[in-house]
Amino acid sequence: MNSIIITPKSEEELNFIKEILRRMNIASAELSNEEKEDIGLVELMKKVDRKEKVSKETVMKSLGI
């Protein structure tokens, strides 16, 4: 099943939404900003074209090493 992500404007709003979900017996999980960023990075990594190879020298140069 698909999921939704809700970003409340305040701590009070977050607690209100969590309470509504609890009363409706709907499973929910709270994500930190870091966890949301991780999910975004995973989605970007899935879309990367892995057919093209890049040399180690090019990578090191891009990293400034």
PDB file of N, CA and C in Angstrom:
ATOM      1  N   MET A   1       0.846  -1.170   0.000  1.00  0.00           N
ATOM      2  CA  MET A   1       0.000   0.000   0.000  1.00  0.00           C
ATOM      3  C   MET A   1       0.890   1.231   0.000  1.00  0.00           C
ATOM      4  N   ASN A   2       0.439   2.286  -0.624  1.00  0.00           N
ATOM      5  CA  ASN A   2       1.171   3.552  -0.635  1.00  0.00           C
ATOM      6  C   ASN A   2       1.098   4.216   0.724  1.00  0.00           C
ATOM      7  N   SER A   3       1.983   5.173   0.927  1.00  0.00           N
ATOM      8  CA  SER A   3       2.040   5.909   2.183  1.00  0.00           C
ATOM      9  C   SER A   3       1.949   7.396   1.894  1.00  0.00           C
ATOM     10  N   ILE A   4       1.710   8.168   2.939  1.00  0.00           N
ATOM     11  CA  ILE A   4       1.741   9.619   2.816  1.00  0.00           C
ATOM     12  C   ILE A   4       2.726  10.171   3.835  1.00  0.00           C
ATOM     13  N   ILE A   5       3.268  11.329   3.512  1.00  0.00           N
ATOM     14  CA  ILE A   5       4.155  12.021   4.446  1.00  0.00           C
ATOM     15  C   ILE A   5       3.515  13.355   4.755  1.00  0.00           C
ATOM     16  N   ILE A   6       3.393  13.668   6.026  1.00  0.00           N
ATOM     17  CA  ILE A   6       2.786  14.911   6.480  1.00  0.00           C
ATOM     18  C   ILE A   6       3.840  15.684   7.260  1.00  0.00           C
ATOM     19  N   THR A   7       3.984  16.955   6.950  1.00  0.00           N
ATOM     20  CA  THR A   7       4.933  17.798   7.672  1.00  0.00           C
ATOM     21  C   THR A   7       4.161  18.861   8.455  1.00  0.00           C
ATOM     22  N   PRO A   8       3.971  18.641   9.751  1.00  0.00           N
ATOM     23  CA  PRO A   8       3.235  19.605  10.565  1.00  0.00           C
ATOM     24  C   PRO A   8       4.032  20.903  10.742  1.00  0.00           C
ATOM     25  N   LYS A   9       3.313  21.973  11.035  1.00  0.00           N
ATOM     26  CA  LYS A   9       3.931  23.293  11.199  1.00  0.00           C
ATOM     27  C   LYS A   9       4.501  23.514  12.587  1.00  0.00           C
ATOM     28  N   SER A  10       4.048  22.729  13.549  1.00  0.00           N
ATOM     29  CA  SER A  10       4.501  22.936  14.927  1.00  0.00           C
ATOM     30  C   SER A  10       4.474  21.605  15.682  1.00  0.00           C
ATOM     31  N   GLU A  11       5.086  21.623  16.857  1.00  0.00           N
ATOM     32  CA  GLU A  11       5.083  20.447  17.737  1.00  0.00           C
ATOM     33  C   GLU A  11       3.659  20.103  18.166  1.00  0.00           C
ATOM     34  N   GLU A  12       2.862  21.149  18.417  1.00  0.00           N
ATOM     35  CA  GLU A  12       1.459  20.950  18.818  1.00  0.00           C
ATOM     36  C   GLU A  12       0.678  20.245  17.703  1.00  0.00           C
ATOM     37  N   GLU A  13       0.882  20.689  16.486  1.00  0.00           N
ATOM     38  CA  GLU A  13       0.202  20.075  15.342  1.00  0.00           C
ATOM     39  C   GLU A  13       0.662  18.628  15.158  1.00  0.00           C
ATOM     40  N   LEU A  14       1.957  18.371  15.346  1.00  0.00           N
ATOM     41  CA  LEU A  14       2.495  17.009  15.254  1.00  0.00           C
ATOM     42  C   LEU A  14       1.811  16.101  16.271  1.00  0.00           C
ATOM     43  N   ASN A  15       1.736  16.554  17.503  1.00  0.00           N
ATOM     44  CA  ASN A  15       1.115  15.754  18.559  1.00  0.00           C
ATOM     45  C   ASN A  15      -0.371  15.508  18.277  1.00  0.00           C
ATOM     46  N   PHE A  16      -1.051  16.504  17.739  1.00  0.00           N
ATOM     47  CA  PHE A  16      -2.468  16.371  17.400  1.00  0.00           C
ATOM     48  C   PHE A  16      -2.663  15.297  16.321  1.00  0.00           C
ATOM     49  N   ILE A  17      -1.853  15.349  15.286  1.00  0.00           N
ATOM     50  CA  ILE A  17      -1.955  14.367  14.196  1.00  0.00           C
ATOM     51  C   ILE A  17      -1.633  12.968  14.707  1.00  0.00           C
ATOM     52  N   LYS A  18      -0.588  12.854  15.511  1.00  0.00           N
ATOM     53  CA  LYS A  18      -0.231  11.548  16.074  1.00  0.00           C
ATOM     54  C   LYS A  18      -1.371  10.985  16.922  1.00  0.00           C
ATOM     55  N   GLU A  19      -2.021  11.837  17.696  1.00  0.00           N
ATOM     56  CA  GLU A  19      -3.134  11.392  18.534  1.00  0.00           C
ATOM     57  C   GLU A  19      -4.314  10.932  17.682  1.00  0.00           C
ATOM     58  N   ILE A  20      -4.622  11.663  16.628  1.00  0.00           N
ATOM     59  CA  ILE A  20      -5.711  11.249  15.722  1.00  0.00           C
ATOM     60  C   ILE A  20      -5.408   9.880  15.118  1.00  0.00           C
ATOM     61  N   LEU A  21      -4.189   9.703  14.644  1.00  0.00           N
ATOM     62  CA  LEU A  21      -3.808   8.420  14.050  1.00  0.00           C
ATOM     63  C   LEU A  21      -3.882   7.289  15.072  1.00  0.00           C
ATOM     64  N   ARG A  22      -3.446   7.573  16.309  1.00  0.00           N
ATOM     65  CA  ARG A  22      -3.503   6.561  17.364  1.00  0.00           C
ATOM     66  C   ARG A  22      -4.951   6.167  17.629  1.00  0.00           C
ATOM     67  N   ARG A  23      -5.835   7.157  17.733  1.00  0.00           N
ATOM     68  CA  ARG A  23      -7.253   6.875  18.013  1.00  0.00           C
ATOM     69  C   ARG A  23      -7.920   6.103  16.881  1.00  0.00           C
ATOM     70  N   MET A  24      -7.460   6.327  15.656  1.00  0.00           N
ATOM     71  CA  MET A  24      -8.023   5.629  14.492  1.00  0.00           C
ATOM     72  C   MET A  24      -7.339   4.280  14.260  1.00  0.00           C
ATOM     73  N   ASN A  25      -6.380   3.954  15.131  1.00  0.00           N
ATOM     74  CA  ASN A  25      -5.632   2.707  15.038  1.00  0.00           C
ATOM     75  C   ASN A  25      -4.915   2.574  13.684  1.00  0.00           C
ATOM     76  N   ILE A  26      -4.315   3.693  13.251  1.00  0.00           N
ATOM     77  CA  ILE A  26      -3.557   3.735  12.002  1.00  0.00           C
ATOM     78  C   ILE A  26      -2.077   3.758  12.356  1.00  0.00           C
ATOM     79  N   ALA A  27      -1.329   2.827  11.785  1.00  0.00           N
ATOM     80  CA  ALA A  27       0.111   2.759  12.047  1.00  0.00           C
ATOM     81  C   ALA A  27       0.795   4.004  11.493  1.00  0.00           C
ATOM     82  N   SER A  28       1.748   4.512  12.248  1.00  0.00           N
ATOM     83  CA  SER A  28       2.499   5.684  11.801  1.00  0.00           C
ATOM     84  C   SER A  28       3.920   5.607  12.333  1.00  0.00           C
ATOM     85  N   ALA A  29       4.797   6.379  11.737  1.00  0.00           N
ATOM     86  CA  ALA A  29       6.187   6.452  12.175  1.00  0.00           C
ATOM     87  C   ALA A  29       6.658   7.879  12.002  1.00  0.00           C
ATOM     88  N   GLU A  30       7.466   8.334  12.926  1.00  0.00           N
ATOM     89  CA  GLU A  30       8.008   9.684  12.868  1.00  0.00           C
ATOM     90  C   GLU A  30       9.416   9.623  12.286  1.00  0.00           C
ATOM     91  N   LEU A  31       9.696  10.479  11.299  1.00  0.00           N
ATOM     92  CA  LEU A  31      11.007  10.527  10.662  1.00  0.00           C
ATOM     93  C   LEU A  31      11.709  11.834  11.000  1.00  0.00           C
ATOM     94  N   SER A  32      12.998  11.740  11.279  1.00  0.00           N
ATOM     95  CA  SER A  32      13.787  12.950  11.511  1.00  0.00           C
ATOM     96  C   SER A  32      14.116  13.578  10.152  1.00  0.00           C
ATOM     97  N   ASN A  33      14.593  14.811  10.165  1.00  0.00           N
ATOM     98  CA  ASN A  33      15.009  15.458   8.919  1.00  0.00           C
ATOM     99  C   ASN A  33      16.105  14.657   8.230  1.00  0.00           C
ATOM    100  N   GLU A  34      17.019  14.112   9.018  1.00  0.00           N
ATOM    101  CA  GLU A  34      18.112  13.320   8.465  1.00  0.00           C
ATOM    102  C   GLU A  34      17.575  12.061   7.769  1.00  0.00           C
ATOM    103  N   GLU A  35      16.601  11.411   8.366  1.00  0.00           N
ATOM    104  CA  GLU A  35      16.012  10.216   7.757  1.00  0.00           C
ATOM    105  C   GLU A  35      15.294  10.555   6.451  1.00  0.00           C
ATOM    106  N   LYS A  36      14.622  11.707   6.413  1.00  0.00           N
ATOM    107  CA  LYS A  36      13.960  12.136   5.177  1.00  0.00           C
ATOM    108  C   LYS A  36      14.990  12.406   4.085  1.00  0.00           C
ATOM    109  N   GLU A  37      16.117  13.024   4.439  1.00  0.00           N
ATOM    110  CA  GLU A  37      17.185  13.270   3.479  1.00  0.00           C
ATOM    111  C   GLU A  37      17.750  11.952   2.960  1.00  0.00           C
ATOM    112  N   ASP A  38      17.932  10.982   3.854  1.00  0.00           N
ATOM    113  CA  ASP A  38      18.447   9.667   3.458  1.00  0.00           C
ATOM    114  C   ASP A  38      17.526   9.006   2.430  1.00  0.00           C
ATOM    115  N   ILE A  39      16.231   9.104   2.644  1.00  0.00           N
ATOM    116  CA  ILE A  39      15.262   8.528   1.709  1.00  0.00           C
ATOM    117  C   ILE A  39      15.387   9.213   0.349  1.00  0.00           C
ATOM    118  N   GLY A  40      15.535  10.535   0.362  1.00  0.00           N
ATOM    119  CA  GLY A  40      15.712  11.275  -0.888  1.00  0.00           C
ATOM    120  C   GLY A  40      16.966  10.859  -1.625  1.00  0.00           C
ATOM    121  N   LEU A  41      18.062  10.670  -0.888  1.00  0.00           N
ATOM    122  CA  LEU A  41      19.309  10.236  -1.517  1.00  0.00           C
ATOM    123  C   LEU A  41      19.178   8.840  -2.104  1.00  0.00           C
ATOM    124  N   VAL A  42      18.500   7.955  -1.412  1.00  0.00           N
ATOM    125  CA  VAL A  42      18.279   6.597  -1.924  1.00  0.00           C
ATOM    126  C   VAL A  42      17.509   6.647  -3.238  1.00  0.00           C
ATOM    127  N   GLU A  43      16.478   7.481  -3.287  1.00  0.00           N
ATOM    128  CA  GLU A  43      15.684   7.610  -4.511  1.00  0.00           C
ATOM    129  C   GLU A  43      16.535   8.141  -5.659  1.00  0.00           C
ATOM    130  N   LEU A  44      17.399   9.118  -5.391  1.00  0.00           N
ATOM    131  CA  LEU A  44      18.295   9.636  -6.424  1.00  0.00           C
ATOM    132  C   LEU A  44      19.277   8.568  -6.893  1.00  0.00           C
ATOM    133  N   MET A  45      19.799   7.775  -5.955  1.00  0.00           N
ATOM    134  CA  MET A  45      20.754   6.728  -6.301  1.00  0.00           C
ATOM    135  C   MET A  45      20.111   5.657  -7.183  1.00  0.00           C
ATOM    136  N   LYS A  46      18.828   5.406  -6.997  1.00  0.00           N
ATOM    137  CA  LYS A  46      18.128   4.417  -7.816  1.00  0.00           C
ATOM    138  C   LYS A  46      18.040   4.860  -9.271  1.00  0.00           C
ATOM    139  N   LYS A  47      18.036   6.175  -9.502  1.00  0.00           N
ATOM    140  CA  LYS A  47      17.867   6.721 -10.841  1.00  0.00           C
ATOM    141  C   LYS A  47      19.179   6.900 -11.600  1.00  0.00           C
ATOM    142  N   VAL A  48      20.308   6.673 -10.943  1.00  0.00           N
ATOM    143  CA  VAL A  48      21.613   6.894 -11.559  1.00  0.00           C
ATOM    144  C   VAL A  48      21.870   5.863 -12.657  1.00  0.00           C
ATOM    145  N   ASP A  49      22.452   6.337 -13.763  1.00  0.00           N
ATOM    146  CA  ASP A  49      22.833   5.456 -14.858  1.00  0.00           C
ATOM    147  C   ASP A  49      24.151   4.777 -14.484  1.00  0.00           C
ATOM    148  N   ARG A  50      24.110   3.490 -14.260  1.00  0.00           N
ATOM    149  CA  ARG A  50      25.305   2.757 -13.822  1.00  0.00           C
ATOM    150  C   ARG A  50      26.076   2.142 -14.984  1.00  0.00           C
ATOM    151  N   LYS A  51      25.651   2.385 -16.199  1.00  0.00           N
ATOM    152  CA  LYS A  51      26.317   1.820 -17.374  1.00  0.00           C
ATOM    153  C   LYS A  51      27.641   2.515 -17.652  1.00  0.00           C
ATOM    154  N   GLU A  52      27.681   3.818 -17.390  1.00  0.00           N
ATOM    155  CA  GLU A  52      28.874   4.591 -17.700  1.00  0.00           C
ATOM    156  C   GLU A  52      29.868   4.507 -16.549  1.00  0.00           C
ATOM    157  N   LYS A  53      31.124   4.216 -16.868  1.00  0.00           N
ATOM    158  CA  LYS A  53      32.179   4.111 -15.859  1.00  0.00           C
ATOM    159  C   LYS A  53      32.980   5.399 -15.803  1.00  0.00           C
ATOM    160  N   VAL A  54      33.449   5.748 -14.615  1.00  0.00           N
ATOM    161  CA  VAL A  54      34.278   6.927 -14.407  1.00  0.00           C
ATOM    162  C   VAL A  54      35.581   6.454 -13.779  1.00  0.00           C
ATOM    163  N   SER A  55      36.686   7.013 -14.247  1.00  0.00           N
ATOM    164  CA  SER A  55      37.984   6.584 -13.731  1.00  0.00           C
ATOM    165  C   SER A  55      38.185   7.053 -12.286  1.00  0.00           C
ATOM    166  N   LYS A  56      39.047   6.335 -11.593  1.00  0.00           N
ATOM    167  CA  LYS A  56      39.366   6.688 -10.211  1.00  0.00           C
ATOM    168  C   LYS A  56      39.978   8.085 -10.156  1.00  0.00           C
ATOM    169  N   GLU A  57      40.807   8.425 -11.156  1.00  0.00           N
ATOM    170  CA  GLU A  57      41.447   9.742 -11.200  1.00  0.00           C
ATOM    171  C   GLU A  57      40.411  10.866 -11.293  1.00  0.00           C
ATOM    172  N   THR A  58      39.367  10.640 -12.100  1.00  0.00           N
ATOM    173  CA  THR A  58      38.319  11.643 -12.245  1.00  0.00           C
ATOM    174  C   THR A  58      37.580  11.845 -10.935  1.00  0.00           C
ATOM    175  N   VAL A  59      37.289  10.765 -10.249  1.00  0.00           N
ATOM    176  CA  VAL A  59      36.598  10.847  -8.960  1.00  0.00           C
ATOM    177  C   VAL A  59      37.456  11.595  -7.950  1.00  0.00           C
ATOM    178  N   MET A  60      38.727  11.228  -7.867  1.00  0.00           N
ATOM    179  CA  MET A  60      39.639  11.867  -6.904  1.00  0.00           C
ATOM    180  C   MET A  60      39.787  13.355  -7.206  1.00  0.00           C
ATOM    181  N   LYS A  61      39.856  13.700  -8.487  1.00  0.00           N
ATOM    182  CA  LYS A  61      39.974  15.105  -8.878  1.00  0.00           C
ATOM    183  C   LYS A  61      38.716  15.877  -8.462  1.00  0.00           C
ATOM    184  N   SER A  62      37.542  15.279  -8.662  1.00  0.00           N
ATOM    185  CA  SER A  62      36.289  15.923  -8.279  1.00  0.00           C
ATOM    186  C   SER A  62      36.203  16.136  -6.768  1.00  0.00           C
ATOM    187  N   LEU A  63      36.784  15.212  -6.009  1.00  0.00           N
ATOM    188  CA  LEU A  63      36.785  15.311  -4.553  1.00  0.00           C
ATOM    189  C   LEU A  63      37.894  16.230  -4.046  1.00  0.00           C
ATOM    190  N   GLY A  64      38.776  16.650  -4.954  1.00  0.00           N
ATOM    191  CA  GLY A  64      39.878  17.531  -4.554  1.00  0.00           C
ATOM    192  C   GLY A  64      40.984  16.791  -3.847  1.00  0.00           C
ATOM    193  N   ILE A  65      41.123  15.512  -4.142  1.00  0.00           N
ATOM    194  CA  ILE A  65      42.152  14.686  -3.475  1.00  0.00           C
ATOM    195  C   ILE A  65      43.290  14.447  -4.437  1.00  0.00           C
TER     196      ILE A  65
END
